[in-house]
Protein backbone atom coordinates (compact mmCIF):
# COMPACT_ATOMS: atom_id res chain seq x y z
CA MET A 1 8.11 14.91 -6.81
CA GLU A 2 10.00 17.52 -8.76
CA LEU A 3 12.89 18.64 -6.60
CA SER A 4 15.72 21.06 -7.10
CA ALA A 5 19.43 20.34 -7.22
CA VAL A 6 21.42 21.01 -4.06
CA GLU A 7 24.97 21.90 -3.22
CA PRO A 8 27.17 19.11 -1.80
CA MET A 9 26.33 18.13 1.79
CA SER A 10 23.16 20.29 2.02
CA ALA A 11 20.80 17.34 1.70
CA LEU A 12 22.32 15.83 4.83
CA THR A 13 20.73 18.58 6.91
CA LEU A 14 17.11 17.99 7.84
CA GLN A 15 15.56 21.36 8.60
CA GLY A 16 13.82 21.67 11.96
CA SER A 17 10.91 23.67 10.56
CA ALA A 18 7.47 23.18 12.07
CA ILE A 19 5.28 20.65 10.27
CA PRO A 20 2.71 22.75 8.36
CA ALA A 21 -0.96 22.39 9.24
CA SER A 22 -3.66 22.47 6.55
CA ASP A 23 -7.27 23.65 6.58
CA ASP A 24 -8.14 20.50 4.63
CA PRO A 25 -6.71 17.23 5.96
CA TYR A 26 -3.64 15.72 4.33
CA ARG A 27 -4.43 12.70 2.21
CA ALA A 28 -0.93 11.73 1.09
CA LEU A 29 2.47 11.59 2.81
CA TYR A 30 5.83 11.79 1.06
CA VAL A 31 9.05 11.03 2.97
CA HIS A 32 12.33 11.96 1.30
CA LEU A 33 15.62 10.09 1.71
CA PRO A 34 18.25 12.07 -0.23
CA PHE A 35 21.00 9.45 -0.43
CA CYS A 36 22.36 7.39 -3.33
CA ALA A 37 25.28 5.11 -4.04
CA SER A 38 26.24 7.57 -6.79
CA ARG A 39 24.64 10.49 -8.58
CA CYS A 40 23.40 9.68 -12.06
CA ALA A 41 24.60 11.80 -14.96
CA TYR A 42 21.11 13.20 -15.64
CA CYS A 43 19.88 13.72 -12.06
CA ASP A 44 19.04 17.12 -10.55
CA PHE A 45 16.95 15.86 -7.62
CA THR A 46 17.75 16.63 -3.99
CA THR A 47 20.19 13.77 -3.57
CA GLU A 48 23.82 13.14 -2.66
CA ALA A 49 26.22 10.26 -3.10
CA VAL A 50 27.02 9.10 0.43
CA PRO A 51 28.51 5.78 1.60
CA ALA A 52 25.87 3.57 3.19
CA SER A 53 28.07 3.32 6.29
CA ASP A 54 28.08 7.10 6.84
CA GLU A 55 26.74 7.87 10.31
CA ARG A 56 25.26 11.14 9.05
CA ILE A 57 22.54 9.00 7.47
CA ASP A 58 21.69 7.79 10.98
CA ARG A 59 21.25 11.37 12.16
CA TYR A 60 19.06 12.19 9.17
CA VAL A 61 16.82 9.15 9.71
CA GLU A 62 16.55 10.01 13.40
CA GLY A 63 15.39 13.47 12.32
CA LEU A 64 12.76 11.93 10.04
CA VAL A 65 11.50 9.77 12.89
CA ARG A 66 11.15 12.85 15.11
CA ALA A 67 9.36 14.73 12.34
CA VAL A 68 6.89 11.88 11.78
CA ARG A 69 6.17 11.72 15.50
CA ALA A 70 5.66 15.50 15.61
CA ALA A 71 3.19 15.31 12.72
CA THR A 72 1.35 12.57 14.60
CA ARG A 73 1.12 14.71 17.75
CA GLU A 74 -0.29 17.55 15.65
CA GLY A 75 -2.97 15.20 14.32
CA LEU A 76 -1.85 15.61 10.70
CA LEU A 77 -1.50 11.96 9.69
CA GLY A 78 -4.84 10.48 10.68
CA THR A 79 -6.39 10.96 7.21
CA VAL A 80 -3.39 9.87 5.14
CA GLU A 81 -4.37 7.27 2.53
CA THR A 82 -1.09 6.87 0.64
CA VAL A 83 2.55 6.86 1.76
CA TYR A 84 5.54 7.20 -0.54
CA ILE A 85 9.16 6.90 0.60
CA GLY A 86 11.26 8.32 -2.21
CA GLY A 87 14.64 9.77 -2.93
CA GLY A 88 17.38 9.48 -3.71
CA THR A 89 17.54 5.77 -3.20
CA PRO A 90 15.70 4.79 0.00
CA THR A 91 17.03 1.22 -0.13
CA HIS A 92 20.61 2.57 -0.16
CA ILE A 93 20.38 3.38 3.56
CA GLY A 94 20.06 -0.30 4.47
CA LEU A 95 17.55 -2.53 6.20
CA ARG A 96 18.19 -1.44 9.80
CA ARG A 97 17.49 2.24 9.13
CA LEU A 98 14.54 1.50 6.86
CA VAL A 99 12.98 -0.72 9.51
CA SER A 100 13.29 2.08 12.07
CA LEU A 101 11.58 4.57 9.76
CA ILE A 102 8.86 2.25 8.46
CA TYR A 103 8.10 0.96 11.97
CA THR A 104 7.62 4.56 13.14
CA LEU A 105 5.28 5.21 10.21
CA SER A 106 3.32 2.04 10.99
CA LEU A 107 2.76 3.29 14.54
CA SER A 108 1.90 6.82 13.42
CA LEU A 109 -0.55 6.08 10.60
CA LEU A 110 -3.86 4.29 10.40
CA LEU A 111 -2.50 1.62 8.07
CA THR A 112 -5.25 -0.55 6.63
CA PRO A 113 -5.32 -3.12 3.82
CA ASP A 114 -6.40 -0.23 1.57
CA THR A 115 -3.40 1.97 2.40
CA GLU A 116 -1.01 2.30 -0.53
CA PHE A 117 2.54 2.29 0.87
CA THR A 118 5.22 2.69 -1.79
CA LEU A 119 8.95 2.26 -1.35
CA GLU A 120 11.26 3.45 -4.11
CA ALA A 121 14.25 1.22 -4.73
CA ASN A 122 17.20 0.90 -7.04
CA PRO A 123 18.14 -2.59 -8.22
CA GLU A 124 21.62 -2.65 -6.68
CA SER A 125 20.26 -2.17 -3.15
CA LEU A 126 17.07 -4.25 -3.13
CA SER A 127 17.83 -7.69 -1.70
CA PRO A 128 15.27 -10.47 -1.22
CA GLN A 129 15.59 -10.09 2.57
CA LEU A 130 15.02 -6.33 2.46
CA ALA A 131 11.97 -6.80 0.23
CA ARG A 132 10.53 -9.44 2.55
CA ASP A 133 11.13 -7.44 5.75
CA VAL A 134 9.73 -4.10 4.59
CA PHE A 135 6.71 -5.88 3.09
CA ALA A 136 6.09 -7.48 6.48
CA LEU A 137 6.14 -3.99 8.06
CA GLY A 138 3.49 -2.59 5.74
CA VAL A 139 5.02 -1.69 2.37
CA THR A 140 2.49 -2.69 -0.30
CA ARG A 141 4.16 -1.36 -3.45
CA PHE A 142 7.70 -1.19 -4.86
CA SER A 143 8.79 1.36 -7.46
CA LEU A 144 12.04 0.27 -9.11
CA GLY A 145 14.33 2.69 -10.95
CA VAL A 146 15.49 0.32 -13.70
CA GLN A 147 15.56 2.81 -16.64
CA SER A 148 16.99 0.25 -19.10
CA PHE A 149 17.90 -3.42 -19.45
CA ASP A 150 20.89 -2.58 -21.66
CA ASP A 151 24.25 -2.38 -19.85
CA ALA A 152 25.75 0.18 -22.23
CA GLU A 153 22.76 2.47 -21.77
CA LEU A 154 22.92 2.09 -17.99
CA ARG A 155 26.60 3.07 -18.05
CA ALA A 156 25.76 6.12 -20.18
CA LEU A 157 23.25 7.21 -17.53
CA GLY A 158 25.72 6.61 -14.71
CA ARG A 159 23.46 4.01 -13.09
CA PRO A 160 25.18 1.80 -10.49
CA HIS A 161 23.44 -1.43 -11.57
CA ASP A 162 23.47 -3.66 -14.61
CA ALA A 163 20.69 -5.54 -16.40
CA ARG A 164 21.23 -8.78 -14.46
CA THR A 165 20.87 -6.91 -11.17
CA ALA A 166 17.68 -5.28 -12.45
CA HIS A 167 16.14 -8.65 -13.27
CA ALA A 168 17.07 -9.98 -9.81
CA ALA A 169 15.58 -6.94 -8.05
CA ILE A 170 12.26 -7.28 -9.85
CA ASP A 171 12.15 -10.96 -8.88
CA ALA A 172 12.93 -10.05 -5.26
CA ALA A 173 10.12 -7.47 -5.17
CA ARG A 174 7.59 -9.75 -6.85
CA GLU A 175 8.39 -12.62 -4.48
CA ARG A 176 6.35 -10.85 -1.78
CA CYS A 177 4.48 -8.03 -3.48
CA GLU A 178 2.10 -8.11 -6.43
CA ASN A 179 2.15 -4.35 -6.94
CA VAL A 180 5.55 -3.66 -8.52
CA SER A 181 6.30 -0.68 -10.76
CA VAL A 182 9.29 -0.29 -13.09
CA ASP A 183 10.59 3.04 -14.42
CA LEU A 184 12.00 3.08 -17.96
CA MET A 185 13.72 5.90 -19.88
CA CYS A 186 13.91 6.55 -23.60
CA GLY A 187 16.26 8.80 -25.53
CA ILE A 188 19.35 7.56 -23.71
CA PRO A 189 22.68 8.15 -25.48
CA CYS A 190 23.47 5.10 -27.70
CA GLN A 191 19.89 3.80 -27.35
CA THR A 192 18.27 2.52 -30.57
CA LYS A 193 14.79 1.40 -31.54
CA ARG A 194 16.02 -2.19 -31.38
CA SER A 195 17.51 -1.85 -27.89
CA TRP A 196 14.32 -0.09 -26.74
CA ASP A 197 12.28 -3.03 -28.04
CA ARG A 198 14.52 -5.39 -26.05
CA THR A 199 13.96 -3.32 -22.91
CA LEU A 200 10.20 -3.48 -23.45
CA ASP A 201 10.50 -7.25 -24.02
CA ALA A 202 12.36 -7.57 -20.72
CA VAL A 203 9.90 -5.63 -18.60
CA LEU A 204 6.90 -7.42 -20.12
CA ALA A 205 8.52 -10.79 -19.38
CA HIS A 206 8.36 -9.95 -15.67
CA ASP A 207 4.60 -9.32 -15.85
CA VAL A 208 4.79 -6.33 -13.48
CA SER A 209 1.62 -4.40 -12.66
CA HIS A 210 2.86 -0.87 -13.44
CA VAL A 211 5.36 0.71 -15.84
CA SER A 212 6.34 4.39 -16.10
CA VAL A 213 8.04 5.63 -19.26
CA TYR A 214 9.95 8.91 -19.32
CA PRO A 215 11.92 10.66 -22.06
CA LEU A 216 15.42 11.66 -20.98
CA THR A 217 15.52 15.40 -20.30
CA LEU A 218 18.63 17.51 -19.92
CA GLU A 219 18.60 19.40 -16.63
CA GLU A 220 20.85 22.44 -16.33
CA GLY A 221 24.02 21.84 -14.34
CA THR A 222 23.97 18.04 -14.55
CA PRO A 223 27.00 16.14 -15.91
CA MET A 224 25.00 14.95 -18.91
CA ALA A 225 23.88 18.47 -19.81
CA LYS A 226 27.47 19.65 -19.59
CA ALA A 227 28.63 16.75 -21.78
CA VAL A 228 26.04 17.68 -24.42
CA CYS A 229 27.23 21.30 -24.35
CA LEU A 230 30.81 20.11 -24.85
CA GLY A 231 29.76 17.90 -27.74
CA SER A 232 30.95 14.65 -26.17
CA VAL A 233 27.37 13.34 -25.87
CA ALA A 234 24.63 13.78 -28.45
CA SER A 235 21.53 15.69 -27.43
CA PRO A 236 18.41 13.51 -27.13
CA ASP A 237 16.62 13.13 -30.46
CA GLU A 238 13.06 14.30 -29.77
CA ASP A 239 11.66 12.57 -32.87
CA LEU A 240 13.25 9.28 -31.83
CA GLN A 241 11.96 9.75 -28.28
CA ALA A 242 8.44 10.27 -29.66
CA GLN A 243 8.72 7.07 -31.73
CA MET A 244 9.88 5.18 -28.64
CA MET A 245 7.02 6.57 -26.54
CA LEU A 246 4.55 5.46 -29.22
CA ALA A 247 6.16 2.00 -29.38
CA ALA A 248 5.95 1.70 -25.60
CA SER A 249 2.29 2.71 -25.64
CA ALA A 250 1.42 0.10 -28.24
CA ARG A 251 3.37 -2.71 -26.57
CA LEU A 252 2.25 -2.02 -23.00
CA GLU A 253 -1.41 -1.48 -23.90
CA ALA A 254 -1.42 -4.72 -25.88
CA ALA A 255 -0.11 -6.50 -22.78
CA GLY A 256 -2.98 -5.20 -20.63
CA LEU A 257 -1.15 -2.24 -19.07
CA THR A 258 -3.48 0.68 -19.75
CA ARG A 259 -2.14 4.21 -19.96
CA TYR A 260 -3.92 6.08 -17.17
CA GLU A 261 -1.53 9.06 -16.88
CA VAL A 262 0.82 10.80 -19.29
CA ALA A 263 3.81 8.65 -18.29
CA SER A 264 2.22 5.66 -16.55
CA TYR A 265 0.70 2.33 -17.58
CA ALA A 266 -0.92 -0.11 -15.19
CA ARG A 267 -3.29 -2.96 -14.69
CA PRO A 268 -6.73 -1.75 -13.50
CA ALA A 269 -6.10 -2.24 -9.78
CA ALA A 270 -2.52 -0.94 -9.83
CA HIS A 271 -2.87 2.78 -10.60
CA CYS A 272 -0.54 4.76 -8.34
CA ARG A 273 -2.98 6.49 -6.00
CA HIS A 274 -0.22 8.57 -4.45
CA ASN A 275 0.74 10.19 -7.73
CA LYS A 276 -2.92 10.68 -8.63
CA ALA A 277 -3.30 12.65 -5.40
CA TYR A 278 -0.85 15.20 -6.85
CA TRP A 279 -2.79 15.47 -10.10
CA THR A 280 -6.20 15.82 -8.45
CA GLY A 281 -5.48 18.59 -5.94
CA LEU A 282 -5.47 16.57 -2.72
CA PRO A 283 -3.37 18.12 0.10
CA TYR A 284 -0.12 16.23 0.67
CA LEU A 285 2.55 16.48 3.35
CA GLY A 286 6.25 16.20 2.57
CA ILE A 287 8.78 15.33 5.27
CA GLY A 288 12.52 15.49 4.68
CA ALA A 289 15.08 17.76 3.04
CA GLY A 290 13.70 19.05 -0.26
CA ALA A 291 10.26 17.48 0.30
CA VAL A 292 7.35 19.62 -0.95
CA SER A 293 4.01 19.95 0.85
CA MET A 294 0.74 21.29 -0.53
CA ARG A 295 -1.87 22.62 1.85
CA MET A 296 -4.95 24.82 1.99
CA ALA A 297 -4.57 27.90 4.19
CA GLY A 298 -7.17 30.65 4.44
CA GLY A 299 -8.73 29.66 1.12
CA MET A 300 -5.38 29.76 -0.67
CA ARG A 301 -3.44 26.80 -2.03
CA GLU A 302 0.14 26.87 -0.78
CA ARG A 303 3.22 24.83 -1.62
CA LEU A 304 5.95 24.70 0.96
CA LEU A 305 9.56 23.57 0.88
CA ASP A 306 11.33 22.91 4.20
CA GLY A 307 8.49 24.73 5.99
CA SER A 308 8.69 27.89 3.85
CA VAL A 309 5.92 28.92 1.45
CA GLN A 310 7.25 28.82 -2.12
CA GLU A 311 3.99 29.33 -4.02
CA ARG A 312 0.56 30.68 -3.15
CA LEU A 313 -2.42 30.27 -5.50
CA SER A 314 -5.77 32.04 -5.32
CA PRO A 315 -8.94 29.93 -5.50
CA LEU A 316 -9.25 30.74 -9.23
CA GLU A 317 -5.61 29.84 -9.89
CA ALA A 318 -6.08 26.59 -7.95
CA ASP A 319 -9.12 25.72 -10.08
CA VAL A 320 -7.15 26.29 -13.29
CA GLU A 321 -4.24 24.26 -11.91
CA ASP A 322 -6.64 21.39 -11.18
CA LEU A 323 -7.83 21.48 -14.79
CA MET A 324 -4.26 21.62 -16.09
CA LEU A 325 -3.10 18.70 -13.94
CA GLY A 326 -6.29 16.79 -14.69
CA MET A 327 -5.23 16.72 -18.34
CA ARG A 328 -2.33 14.46 -17.30
CA LEU A 329 -4.92 11.73 -16.68
CA ARG A 330 -6.59 9.54 -19.26
CA GLU A 331 -10.07 10.57 -18.11
CA GLY A 332 -9.21 14.25 -18.51
CA VAL A 333 -11.59 16.78 -16.96
CA ALA A 334 -15.35 17.32 -16.95
CA SER A 335 -16.66 19.74 -19.56
CA LEU A 336 -19.03 21.13 -16.95
CA ARG A 337 -16.09 21.98 -14.69
CA VAL A 338 -14.36 23.81 -17.55
CA ARG A 339 -17.52 25.85 -18.14
CA GLU A 340 -17.82 26.67 -14.42
CA VAL A 341 -14.26 27.98 -14.21
CA SER A 342 -14.60 29.74 -17.57
CA ALA A 343 -17.46 31.80 -16.13
CA ARG A 344 -14.80 33.54 -14.04
CA LEU A 345 -12.04 33.27 -16.63
CA PRO A 346 -13.50 33.52 -20.16
CA GLN A 347 -10.18 32.93 -21.94
CA LEU A 348 -10.07 29.41 -20.49
CA SER A 349 -12.90 28.20 -22.70
CA ALA A 350 -11.14 29.65 -25.74
CA ALA A 351 -7.92 27.88 -24.75
CA PHE A 352 -9.65 24.49 -24.63
CA ASP A 353 -11.37 25.18 -27.95
CA GLU A 354 -7.96 25.94 -29.47
CA LEU A 355 -6.46 22.75 -28.03
CA VAL A 356 -9.32 20.79 -29.63
CA SER A 357 -8.75 22.49 -32.99
CA LEU A 358 -5.04 21.65 -32.78
CA GLY A 359 -5.83 17.97 -32.24
CA LEU A 360 -4.23 17.92 -28.78
CA VAL A 361 -7.52 17.52 -26.90
CA MET A 362 -10.75 15.77 -27.83
CA ARG A 363 -14.31 15.93 -26.54
CA ASP A 364 -15.47 12.56 -25.24
CA ASN A 365 -19.12 12.76 -24.21
CA ASP A 366 -19.10 15.10 -21.21
CA ARG A 367 -15.32 15.18 -20.77
CA LEU A 368 -12.26 16.76 -22.36
CA CYS A 369 -9.29 14.39 -22.76
CA VAL A 370 -5.88 14.51 -24.39
CA THR A 371 -5.38 12.78 -27.72
CA GLU A 372 -2.46 10.54 -28.64
CA ARG A 373 -0.76 13.63 -30.07
CA GLY A 374 -1.61 15.46 -26.86
CA TRP A 375 0.24 12.81 -24.84
CA LEU A 376 3.38 13.55 -26.85
CA LEU A 377 2.96 17.33 -26.62
CA GLY A 378 1.74 17.46 -23.05
CA ASN A 379 3.84 20.47 -22.10
CA GLU A 380 2.07 22.53 -24.78
CA VAL A 381 -1.32 21.44 -23.45
CA PHE A 382 -0.40 22.36 -19.88
CA ALA A 383 1.18 25.68 -20.89
CA ARG A 384 -1.83 26.85 -22.89
CA ILE A 385 -4.18 26.11 -19.99
CA TRP A 386 -1.98 27.72 -17.35
CA SER A 387 -1.33 30.80 -19.52
CA CYS A 388 -4.98 31.76 -18.98
CA VAL A 389 -4.13 32.91 -15.46
CA THR A 390 -0.61 34.17 -16.11
CA VAL A 391 -1.66 36.63 -18.85
CA GLN A 392 -4.64 38.19 -17.02
């Protein structure tokens, strides 16, 4: 989820807004826990550094429990197929609070062996006992924010763990759960091609089922962005980041982790279904401070934040958005679907033709898919498609 930065203390307040209903049933549920041991230098998510002993976390979790129960009473959770508890650092709040929240979710949802239930975790707060207990309650997937296996790079990011802790956390997650994902970041200050290769070596040695690779981006107002402006930290080298992304693609694909989304590699049965719900236009419900929901209302696609509509798309705009987001996925979009939408928006067909001529998109039988160059220049692909509705 892309979330906005917040002022100190604001994330500790869980708004009492009504849970939004949707004309189409919700298929995915996101629950946000906005607490961390410390805020990383690059982070602009809705999070705050709060001691794990702070009783305000108790009040927030109690609010989440009430919100989940309210959504259950409204009949909004019966069709949910994926659950994702994210943050922040959900594991920072401790086992007792997590058990309370996950137990409530287990009573409120129709959890089946096919339900994907992801818990985000940071290495410093994922113990073997916590991993075992939440797995027993229904968590089927762990997503670990490792970022790097180099201690100097972790310090540059402001991460509260070191490489040894990261290795131990992956082992703890894999002890009970086969579906473990690791996030990695390239373009970190002081990172080199050699250190990036060592990080790739380390993650492959754990034989995890899913790896996400992100280039470091400078978000306005973050400590790292300010340090770059002051000249005390070098700006990320985009050419070096591209080389690292290509190296990651080659290494991970060779190890059997297939790139199925612009930033994600996985074994065939380990694609993140929750994230794919976002890219394929399925309605999702967000609960918690800063959590975004997407619903259908009166034929319009709406995104809501804390119960308030932030964006409203017409049916045509929603169709173009589906095509744009579909280009994040390896399979791309159906050529027939592009032609159908182009009948109402002629410039869309021209935009795809241009992307093909630029080598960013290719025609593959009856589908349009991004090329290797298109993976690297994804923002240009998305912008050219979306501009078809913004310049009408």
